[in-house]
Amino acid sequence: MTKDILEVVKERRSIRSYKEDQIKEEELETILEGGIWAPSGTNEQAWHFTVIQNKELTKEISDKTKTILSKSENEYIRKLGENEKLHIFYNAPTVILISGNEKAITPMEDTSAAVQNMLLVAESLSIGTCWIGTVASLFSDPEVGNVYREKCGIPEEYKVMHSISVGYKKIENVNPPERKKNKVNYIR
């Protein structure tokens, strides 16, 4: 039984607790297909997806990212980096890095649209996800960024802008927070 798209939008939540089981290959391919079909400025499709299903590498990326975050002037970000218990991908069995071509017209918008599509496709499959932007700080760091770009096979001229943790949910979605009112005005 397929879900109505608005129902999927309303049900999707950021999941931070995953089962250890790896998602099925066909589910992963369906999620990635959602990203590939995202809209993009002048149809450049200026994104690249890197799928990581190696626990050691995701932990290493998490640890190195937290080291960078711990040096932030922003108190919230700094505390994330200092949190010894935090794994930035929440120990998800799959992580997708989303990179944008820096020479594209709208790489941030294009990659963001791809992320949103993947999040919604995953939810339609009852697979949990969390959109994680902090990993971009690792790949932007002048000291270690290139090391991890190479480890992850990020193409030249591409910059990691987002990541998504992906896996089967340990718990079902919680009730959504109330939506803020008066966010629309009409001029007719």
Protein backbone atom coordinates (compact mmCIF):
# COMPACT_ATOMS: atom_id res chain seq x y z
CA MET A 1 0.00 0.00 0.00
CA THR A 2 1.52 3.31 -1.03
CA LYS A 3 1.22 6.45 1.01
CA ASP A 4 -0.09 9.78 -0.16
CA ILE A 5 2.81 12.24 -0.60
CA LEU A 6 1.40 14.77 1.87
CA GLU A 7 1.00 11.96 4.42
CA VAL A 8 4.69 11.07 3.92
CA VAL A 9 5.71 14.72 4.35
CA LYS A 10 3.74 14.98 7.59
CA GLU A 11 5.05 11.67 8.98
CA ARG A 12 8.76 12.17 8.27
CA ARG A 13 10.90 12.83 11.34
CA SER A 14 14.63 13.00 12.00
CA ILE A 15 15.52 9.56 13.35
CA ARG A 16 18.42 9.26 15.75
CA SER A 17 18.11 5.61 16.80
CA TYR A 18 18.67 2.83 14.28
CA LYS A 19 18.66 -0.94 14.20
CA GLU A 20 22.01 -2.51 13.29
CA ASP A 21 20.58 -4.30 10.24
CA GLN A 22 21.73 -2.92 6.92
CA ILE A 23 18.97 -1.67 4.61
CA LYS A 24 18.27 -3.76 1.53
CA GLU A 25 20.10 -2.92 -1.67
CA GLU A 26 16.87 -2.26 -3.58
CA GLU A 27 15.74 0.16 -0.84
CA LEU A 28 19.05 2.02 -1.05
CA GLU A 29 18.79 2.25 -4.84
CA THR A 30 15.23 3.57 -4.57
CA ILE A 31 16.33 6.26 -2.10
CA LEU A 32 19.22 7.29 -4.36
CA GLU A 33 16.88 7.38 -7.36
CA GLY A 34 14.78 9.90 -5.45
CA GLY A 35 17.85 12.13 -5.14
CA ILE A 36 18.75 11.75 -8.79
CA TRP A 37 15.26 12.91 -9.79
CA ALA A 38 15.43 16.13 -7.76
CA PRO A 39 15.04 19.45 -9.53
CA SER A 40 18.22 21.43 -10.18
CA GLY A 41 19.13 24.87 -11.50
CA THR A 42 19.26 24.80 -15.32
CA ASN A 43 19.04 20.99 -14.98
CA GLU A 44 22.75 20.76 -14.15
CA GLN A 45 22.16 17.86 -11.77
CA ALA A 46 25.35 19.04 -10.05
CA TRP A 47 25.33 16.52 -7.21
CA HIS A 48 27.32 13.46 -6.29
CA PHE A 49 26.26 10.83 -3.74
CA THR A 50 28.76 8.80 -1.72
CA VAL A 51 27.27 5.82 0.09
CA ILE A 52 29.23 4.63 3.13
CA GLN A 53 28.28 1.34 4.75
CA ASN A 54 31.57 0.84 6.62
CA LYS A 55 31.13 1.27 10.40
CA GLU A 56 34.80 2.02 11.02
CA LEU A 57 34.87 4.80 8.44
CA THR A 58 31.64 6.41 9.66
CA LYS A 59 32.98 6.37 13.23
CA GLU A 60 36.26 7.88 12.07
CA ILE A 61 34.44 10.62 10.15
CA SER A 62 32.23 11.25 13.18
CA ASP A 63 35.22 11.53 15.52
CA LYS A 64 37.21 13.82 13.20
CA THR A 65 34.15 16.01 12.61
CA LYS A 66 33.57 16.32 16.35
CA THR A 67 37.19 17.42 16.84
CA ILE A 68 36.57 20.28 14.41
CA LEU A 69 33.19 21.13 15.95
CA SER A 70 34.76 21.28 19.44
CA LYS A 71 36.79 24.30 18.29
CA SER A 72 33.74 26.28 17.16
CA GLU A 73 32.99 29.70 18.58
CA ASN A 74 29.30 28.76 18.54
CA GLU A 75 28.49 27.27 21.95
CA TYR A 76 25.87 24.81 20.66
CA ILE A 77 28.21 23.49 17.93
CA ARG A 78 31.16 23.34 20.34
CA LYS A 79 29.11 21.26 22.82
CA LEU A 80 28.18 18.83 20.06
CA GLY A 81 31.87 18.34 19.35
CA GLU A 82 32.66 17.85 23.02
CA ASN A 83 29.90 15.27 23.56
CA GLU A 84 31.81 11.99 23.97
CA LYS A 85 28.64 9.90 23.56
CA LEU A 86 27.59 11.51 20.28
CA HIS A 87 28.12 9.70 17.00
CA ILE A 88 27.15 12.35 14.44
CA PHE A 89 25.47 9.71 12.28
CA TYR A 90 23.76 8.07 15.29
CA ASN A 91 25.41 4.73 14.43
CA ALA A 92 23.26 4.38 11.32
CA PRO A 93 24.30 1.44 9.13
CA THR A 94 24.29 3.63 6.00
CA VAL A 95 25.49 7.19 5.53
CA ILE A 96 25.06 9.15 2.30
CA LEU A 97 27.33 12.14 1.68
CA ILE A 98 25.85 14.66 -0.72
CA SER A 99 28.34 16.79 -2.62
CA GLY A 100 27.69 19.67 -4.98
CA ASN A 101 29.76 20.88 -7.91
CA GLU A 102 31.21 24.20 -6.76
CA LYS A 103 31.12 25.53 -10.35
CA ALA A 104 27.38 24.89 -10.70
CA ILE A 105 24.90 27.75 -10.67
CA THR A 106 22.99 26.62 -7.57
CA PRO A 107 24.82 23.74 -5.87
CA MET A 108 23.39 24.33 -2.37
CA GLU A 109 19.82 24.46 -3.63
CA ASP A 110 20.33 21.47 -5.94
CA THR A 111 21.85 19.26 -3.24
CA SER A 112 19.22 20.36 -0.72
CA ALA A 113 16.44 19.34 -3.11
CA ALA A 114 18.14 15.97 -3.61
CA VAL A 115 18.39 15.47 0.15
CA GLN A 116 14.71 16.29 0.68
CA ASN A 117 13.69 13.87 -2.05
CA MET A 118 15.79 11.10 -0.49
CA LEU A 119 14.35 11.78 2.98
CA LEU A 120 10.79 11.52 1.66
CA VAL A 121 11.46 8.40 -0.40
CA ALA A 122 13.04 6.75 2.64
CA GLU A 123 10.02 7.64 4.79
CA SER A 124 7.70 6.20 2.14
CA LEU A 125 9.63 2.92 2.63
CA SER A 126 9.39 3.25 6.45
CA ILE A 127 13.16 3.78 6.63
CA GLY A 128 14.55 6.31 9.07
CA THR A 129 16.81 9.21 8.12
CA CYS A 130 18.39 12.27 9.63
CA TRP A 131 19.72 15.22 7.61
CA ILE A 132 23.15 16.09 9.03
CA GLY A 133 24.99 19.20 7.90
CA THR A 134 27.81 19.27 10.44
CA VAL A 135 29.90 16.79 8.45
CA ALA A 136 30.56 19.55 5.89
CA SER A 137 32.95 21.13 8.40
CA LEU A 138 35.26 18.11 8.16
CA PHE A 139 35.51 18.25 4.39
CA SER A 140 36.02 22.02 4.47
CA ASP A 141 38.85 21.83 7.00
CA PRO A 142 42.17 22.76 5.38
CA GLU A 143 44.16 20.24 7.45
CA VAL A 144 42.12 17.04 7.07
CA GLY A 145 39.47 17.80 4.48
CA ASN A 146 41.45 16.55 1.49
CA VAL A 147 42.39 13.32 3.28
CA TYR A 148 38.72 12.48 3.74
CA ARG A 149 37.76 13.73 0.29
CA GLU A 150 40.17 11.14 -1.08
CA LYS A 151 39.06 8.37 1.33
CA CYS A 152 35.46 8.95 0.29
CA GLY A 153 36.10 9.36 -3.43
CA ILE A 154 34.64 12.88 -3.63
CA PRO A 155 35.19 14.11 -7.21
CA GLU A 156 37.30 17.20 -7.83
CA GLU A 157 35.33 20.45 -7.92
CA TYR A 158 32.73 18.90 -5.61
CA LYS A 159 32.18 19.96 -2.02
CA VAL A 160 30.42 17.87 0.64
CA MET A 161 27.43 19.94 1.68
CA HIS A 162 25.16 17.50 3.51
CA SER A 163 24.89 13.97 4.77
CA ILE A 164 22.04 11.66 5.62
CA SER A 165 22.05 8.85 8.17
CA VAL A 166 19.88 5.98 6.92
CA GLY A 167 18.58 2.84 8.58
CA TYR A 168 15.67 0.92 9.98
CA LYS A 169 14.05 2.80 12.87
CA LYS A 170 14.45 1.42 16.39
CA ILE A 171 11.27 3.24 17.39
CA GLU A 172 8.36 4.44 15.32
CA ASN A 173 7.83 8.12 14.64
CA VAL A 174 6.78 10.28 17.53
CA ASN A 175 3.97 12.78 17.30
CA PRO A 176 4.99 15.86 15.35
CA PRO A 177 5.41 19.20 17.06
CA GLU A 178 2.60 21.62 16.39
CA ARG A 179 3.11 23.67 13.26
CA LYS A 180 3.54 27.42 13.65
CA LYS A 181 0.56 29.44 12.46
CA ASN A 182 0.45 32.56 10.30
CA LYS A 183 3.32 31.55 8.02
CA VAL A 184 1.38 32.30 4.85
CA ASN A 185 0.03 35.54 3.47
CA TYR A 186 -1.97 35.95 0.30
CA ILE A 187 -1.95 38.78 -2.19
CA ARG A 188 -4.74 38.38 -4.70
